[in-house]
């Protein structure tokens, strides 16, 4: 708003709207028309004071505040989706579907602890997945094999 108030020309043209709002020609023309713009030859113009007044009225309205909150929520959801997408790209080679009778390689259980040996994050995730499958396939057997303290 300050940039518009201090703008040296008495009118705002399409190119200025494009630059200030980072929009393309068509959207800039739509904005000019909504703000009470008029044509001078092939150029769309709007009085700078009217333009600023209309923008202030829009910014004070409930629709603007709703849209601003929606935009923040969208950005938050996109950031979360990007974060999750990185994790989804990790490939885990699961064990065959058959029931795994013993613990996966690199996994050992002692009273009160589980140890997992791994050299890469993918190996760790694979072993965790295989351990979860072992437990899911025969929970009772897994519990029976747990060492007691």
C-alpha atoms as a PDB file:
ATOM      1  CA  UNK A   1       0.000   0.000   0.000  1.00  0.00           C
ATOM      2  CA  UNK A   2       2.818   2.393   0.832  1.00  0.00           C
ATOM      3  CA  UNK A   3       4.332   1.786  -2.607  1.00  0.00           C
ATOM      4  CA  UNK A   4       0.995   2.703  -4.183  1.00  0.00           C
ATOM      5  CA  UNK A   5       0.507   5.783  -2.023  1.00  0.00           C
ATOM      6  CA  UNK A   6       3.958   7.053  -2.978  1.00  0.00           C
ATOM      7  CA  UNK A   7       3.562   6.122  -6.635  1.00  0.00           C
ATOM      8  CA  UNK A   8       4.615   9.154  -8.722  1.00  0.00           C
ATOM      9  CA  UNK A   9       1.848   8.947 -11.356  1.00  0.00           C
ATOM     10  CA  UNK A  10      -1.766   9.951 -10.673  1.00  0.00           C
ATOM     11  CA  UNK A  11      -2.991   6.775 -12.391  1.00  0.00           C
ATOM     12  CA  UNK A  12      -2.134   3.065 -12.237  1.00  0.00           C
ATOM     13  CA  UNK A  13      -1.812   1.186 -15.520  1.00  0.00           C
ATOM     14  CA  UNK A  14      -1.979  -2.509 -16.374  1.00  0.00           C
ATOM     15  CA  UNK A  15       1.796  -2.991 -16.455  1.00  0.00           C
ATOM     16  CA  UNK A  16       2.092  -1.547 -12.942  1.00  0.00           C
ATOM     17  CA  UNK A  17      -0.623  -3.881 -11.672  1.00  0.00           C
ATOM     18  CA  UNK A  18       1.166  -6.825 -13.322  1.00  0.00           C
ATOM     19  CA  UNK A  19       4.437  -5.906 -11.634  1.00  0.00           C
ATOM     20  CA  UNK A  20       3.040  -5.043  -8.183  1.00  0.00           C
ATOM     21  CA  UNK A  21       0.744  -8.042  -7.868  1.00  0.00           C
ATOM     22  CA  UNK A  22       2.844 -10.441  -9.951  1.00  0.00           C
ATOM     23  CA  UNK A  23      -0.040 -11.350 -12.228  1.00  0.00           C
ATOM     24  CA  UNK A  24      -0.368 -11.686 -15.954  1.00  0.00           C
ATOM     25  CA  UNK A  25      -2.014  -9.315 -18.421  1.00  0.00           C
ATOM     26  CA  UNK A  26      -5.523 -10.784 -18.284  1.00  0.00           C
ATOM     27  CA  UNK A  27      -5.687 -10.804 -14.467  1.00  0.00           C
ATOM     28  CA  UNK A  28      -4.246  -7.269 -14.343  1.00  0.00           C
ATOM     29  CA  UNK A  29      -7.018  -6.085 -16.690  1.00  0.00           C
ATOM     30  CA  UNK A  30      -9.620  -7.806 -14.474  1.00  0.00           C
ATOM     31  CA  UNK A  31      -8.218  -6.053 -11.402  1.00  0.00           C
ATOM     32  CA  UNK A  32      -8.270  -2.685 -13.172  1.00  0.00           C
ATOM     33  CA  UNK A  33     -11.886  -3.207 -14.260  1.00  0.00           C
ATOM     34  CA  UNK A  34     -12.936  -4.170 -10.718  1.00  0.00           C
ATOM     35  CA  UNK A  35     -11.235  -1.074  -9.316  1.00  0.00           C
ATOM     36  CA  UNK A  36     -13.143   1.300 -11.604  1.00  0.00           C
ATOM     37  CA  UNK A  37     -10.592   1.436 -14.373  1.00  0.00           C
ATOM     38  CA  UNK A  38     -11.155   2.985 -17.760  1.00  0.00           C
ATOM     39  CA  UNK A  39      -9.619   2.764 -21.227  1.00  0.00           C
ATOM     40  CA  UNK A  40      -7.446   5.444 -22.771  1.00  0.00           C
ATOM     41  CA  UNK A  41      -6.752   4.204 -26.264  1.00  0.00           C
ATOM     42  CA  UNK A  42      -5.657   0.594 -25.717  1.00  0.00           C
ATOM     43  CA  UNK A  43      -4.354   1.188 -22.206  1.00  0.00           C
ATOM     44  CA  UNK A  44      -6.327   0.434 -19.066  1.00  0.00           C
ATOM     45  CA  UNK A  45      -5.944   2.974 -16.256  1.00  0.00           C
ATOM     46  CA  UNK A  46      -7.391   3.646 -12.826  1.00  0.00           C
ATOM     47  CA  UNK A  47      -7.025   6.682 -10.579  1.00  0.00           C
ATOM     48  CA  UNK A  48      -4.331   5.912  -7.985  1.00  0.00           C
ATOM     49  CA  UNK A  49      -6.390   7.270  -5.039  1.00  0.00           C
ATOM     50  CA  UNK A  50      -9.450   5.258  -6.045  1.00  0.00           C
ATOM     51  CA  UNK A  51      -7.273   2.167  -6.520  1.00  0.00           C
ATOM     52  CA  UNK A  52      -5.759   2.530  -3.021  1.00  0.00           C
ATOM     53  CA  UNK A  53      -9.184   3.184  -1.445  1.00  0.00           C
ATOM     54  CA  UNK A  54     -10.671   0.099  -3.094  1.00  0.00           C
ATOM     55  CA  UNK A  55      -7.708  -2.058  -2.004  1.00  0.00           C
ATOM     56  CA  UNK A  56      -8.042  -0.820   1.578  1.00  0.00           C
ATOM     57  CA  UNK A  57     -11.756  -1.627   1.555  1.00  0.00           C
ATOM     58  CA  UNK A  58     -11.033  -5.126   0.269  1.00  0.00           C
ATOM     59  CA  UNK A  59      -8.275  -5.659   2.860  1.00  0.00           C
ATOM     60  CA  UNK A  60     -10.636  -4.616   5.659  1.00  0.00           C
ATOM     61  CA  UNK A  61     -13.353  -7.043   4.545  1.00  0.00           C
ATOM     62  CA  UNK A  62     -14.118 -10.481   5.981  1.00  0.00           C
ATOM     63  CA  UNK A  63     -13.578 -12.182   2.610  1.00  0.00           C
ATOM     64  CA  UNK A  64      -9.975 -10.991   2.567  1.00  0.00           C
ATOM     65  CA  UNK A  65      -9.304 -12.286   6.094  1.00  0.00           C
ATOM     66  CA  UNK A  66     -10.944 -15.617   5.296  1.00  0.00           C
ATOM     67  CA  UNK A  67      -8.865 -15.965   2.131  1.00  0.00           C
ATOM     68  CA  UNK A  68      -5.676 -15.023   3.977  1.00  0.00           C
ATOM     69  CA  UNK A  69      -6.324 -17.745   6.619  1.00  0.00           C
ATOM     70  CA  UNK A  70      -7.115 -20.244   3.861  1.00  0.00           C
ATOM     71  CA  UNK A  71      -3.874 -19.388   2.076  1.00  0.00           C
ATOM     72  CA  UNK A  72      -1.867 -19.955   5.275  1.00  0.00           C
ATOM     73  CA  UNK A  73      -3.570 -23.332   5.798  1.00  0.00           C
ATOM     74  CA  UNK A  74      -2.821 -24.350   2.203  1.00  0.00           C
ATOM     75  CA  UNK A  75       0.857 -23.439   2.631  1.00  0.00           C
ATOM     76  CA  UNK A  76       1.013 -25.444   5.869  1.00  0.00           C
ATOM     77  CA  UNK A  77      -0.582 -28.472   4.208  1.00  0.00           C
ATOM     78  CA  UNK A  78       1.807 -28.218   1.252  1.00  0.00           C
ATOM     79  CA  UNK A  79       4.811 -28.069   3.590  1.00  0.00           C
ATOM     80  CA  UNK A  80       3.523 -31.140   5.430  1.00  0.00           C
ATOM     81  CA  UNK A  81       2.948 -32.968   2.132  1.00  0.00           C
ATOM     82  CA  UNK A  82       6.517 -32.176   0.999  1.00  0.00           C
ATOM     83  CA  UNK A  83       7.876 -33.477   4.304  1.00  0.00           C
ATOM     84  CA  UNK A  84       5.842 -36.683   4.047  1.00  0.00           C
ATOM     85  CA  UNK A  85       6.776 -37.127   0.377  1.00  0.00           C
ATOM     86  CA  UNK A  86      10.461 -37.345   1.332  1.00  0.00           C
ATOM     87  CA  UNK A  87       9.685 -40.194   3.719  1.00  0.00           C
ATOM     88  CA  UNK A  88       7.507 -41.948   1.147  1.00  0.00           C
ATOM     89  CA  UNK A  89      10.374 -42.016  -1.344  1.00  0.00           C
ATOM     90  CA  UNK A  90      12.373 -44.323   0.937  1.00  0.00           C
ATOM     91  CA  UNK A  91      12.148 -47.822  -0.494  1.00  0.00           C
ATOM     92  CA  UNK A  92      11.807 -50.706   1.942  1.00  0.00           C
ATOM     93  CA  UNK A  93      12.232 -54.226   0.621  1.00  0.00           C
ATOM     94  CA  UNK A  94       9.790 -56.187   2.806  1.00  0.00           C
ATOM     95  CA  UNK A  95      10.238 -59.823   3.712  1.00  0.00           C
ATOM     96  CA  UNK A  96       8.115 -62.342   1.811  1.00  0.00           C
ATOM     97  CA  UNK A  97       4.498 -62.534   2.934  1.00  0.00           C
ATOM     98  CA  UNK A  98       5.033 -65.949   4.488  1.00  0.00           C
ATOM     99  CA  UNK A  99       5.020 -66.154   8.284  1.00  0.00           C
ATOM    100  CA  UNK A 100       8.480 -65.318   9.605  1.00  0.00           C
ATOM    101  CA  UNK A 101       9.167 -67.841  12.405  1.00  0.00           C
ATOM    102  CA  UNK A 102      12.111 -66.009  13.950  1.00  0.00           C
ATOM    103  CA  UNK A 103      13.461 -62.519  14.351  1.00  0.00           C
ATOM    104  CA  UNK A 104      14.810 -60.769  11.247  1.00  0.00           C
ATOM    105  CA  UNK A 105      18.572 -60.662  10.686  1.00  0.00           C
ATOM    106  CA  UNK A 106      20.239 -57.950  12.735  1.00  0.00           C
ATOM    107  CA  UNK A 107      17.486 -57.915  15.386  1.00  0.00           C
ATOM    108  CA  UNK A 108      18.080 -59.288  18.854  1.00  0.00           C
ATOM    109  CA  UNK A 109      16.018 -59.161  22.004  1.00  0.00           C
ATOM    110  CA  UNK A 110      17.348 -59.146  25.576  1.00  0.00           C
ATOM    111  CA  UNK A 111      15.423 -58.550  28.788  1.00  0.00           C
ATOM    112  CA  UNK A 112      14.058 -55.004  28.520  1.00  0.00           C
ATOM    113  CA  UNK A 113      15.588 -54.118  25.166  1.00  0.00           C
ATOM    114  CA  UNK A 114      15.509 -54.689  21.443  1.00  0.00           C
ATOM    115  CA  UNK A 115      18.731 -54.193  19.462  1.00  0.00           C
ATOM    116  CA  UNK A 116      18.703 -53.540  15.743  1.00  0.00           C
ATOM    117  CA  UNK A 117      21.949 -53.488  13.808  1.00  0.00           C
ATOM    118  CA  UNK A 118      21.885 -51.433  10.614  1.00  0.00           C
ATOM    119  CA  UNK A 119      24.202 -49.569   8.290  1.00  0.00           C
ATOM    120  CA  UNK A 120      21.741 -47.353   6.381  1.00  0.00           C
ATOM    121  CA  UNK A 121      18.385 -45.778   7.203  1.00  0.00           C
ATOM    122  CA  UNK A 122      16.769 -48.087   4.643  1.00  0.00           C
ATOM    123  CA  UNK A 123      18.218 -51.159   6.405  1.00  0.00           C
ATOM    124  CA  UNK A 124      16.864 -49.896   9.730  1.00  0.00           C
ATOM    125  CA  UNK A 125      13.411 -49.317   8.260  1.00  0.00           C
ATOM    126  CA  UNK A 126      13.425 -52.715   6.555  1.00  0.00           C
ATOM    127  CA  UNK A 127      14.311 -54.468   9.822  1.00  0.00           C
ATOM    128  CA  UNK A 128      11.687 -52.541  11.765  1.00  0.00           C
ATOM    129  CA  UNK A 129       9.100 -53.456   9.152  1.00  0.00           C
ATOM    130  CA  UNK A 130      10.126 -57.143   9.216  1.00  0.00           C
ATOM    131  CA  UNK A 131       9.991 -57.133  13.027  1.00  0.00           C
ATOM    132  CA  UNK A 132       6.481 -55.660  12.932  1.00  0.00           C
ATOM    133  CA  UNK A 133       5.447 -58.345  10.430  1.00  0.00           C
ATOM    134  CA  UNK A 134       6.902 -61.081  12.650  1.00  0.00           C
ATOM    135  CA  UNK A 135       4.890 -59.758  15.578  1.00  0.00           C
ATOM    136  CA  UNK A 136       1.720 -59.315  13.510  1.00  0.00           C
ATOM    137  CA  UNK A 137       1.953 -62.823  12.014  1.00  0.00           C
ATOM    138  CA  UNK A 138       2.125 -64.608  15.386  1.00  0.00           C
ATOM    139  CA  UNK A 139       1.813 -62.290  18.335  1.00  0.00           C
ATOM    140  CA  UNK A 140       1.396 -65.038  20.911  1.00  0.00           C
ATOM    141  CA  UNK A 141       4.580 -66.832  19.785  1.00  0.00           C
ATOM    142  CA  UNK A 142       6.503 -63.557  19.795  1.00  0.00           C
ATOM    143  CA  UNK A 143       5.378 -62.775  23.354  1.00  0.00           C
ATOM    144  CA  UNK A 144       6.212 -66.308  24.497  1.00  0.00           C
ATOM    145  CA  UNK A 145       9.798 -65.928  23.155  1.00  0.00           C
ATOM    146  CA  UNK A 146      10.398 -62.616  24.940  1.00  0.00           C
ATOM    147  CA  UNK A 147      13.116 -62.995  27.611  1.00  0.00           C
ATOM    148  CA  UNK A 148      11.922 -62.248  31.119  1.00  0.00           C
ATOM    149  CA  UNK A 149      13.723 -59.875  33.502  1.00  0.00           C
END
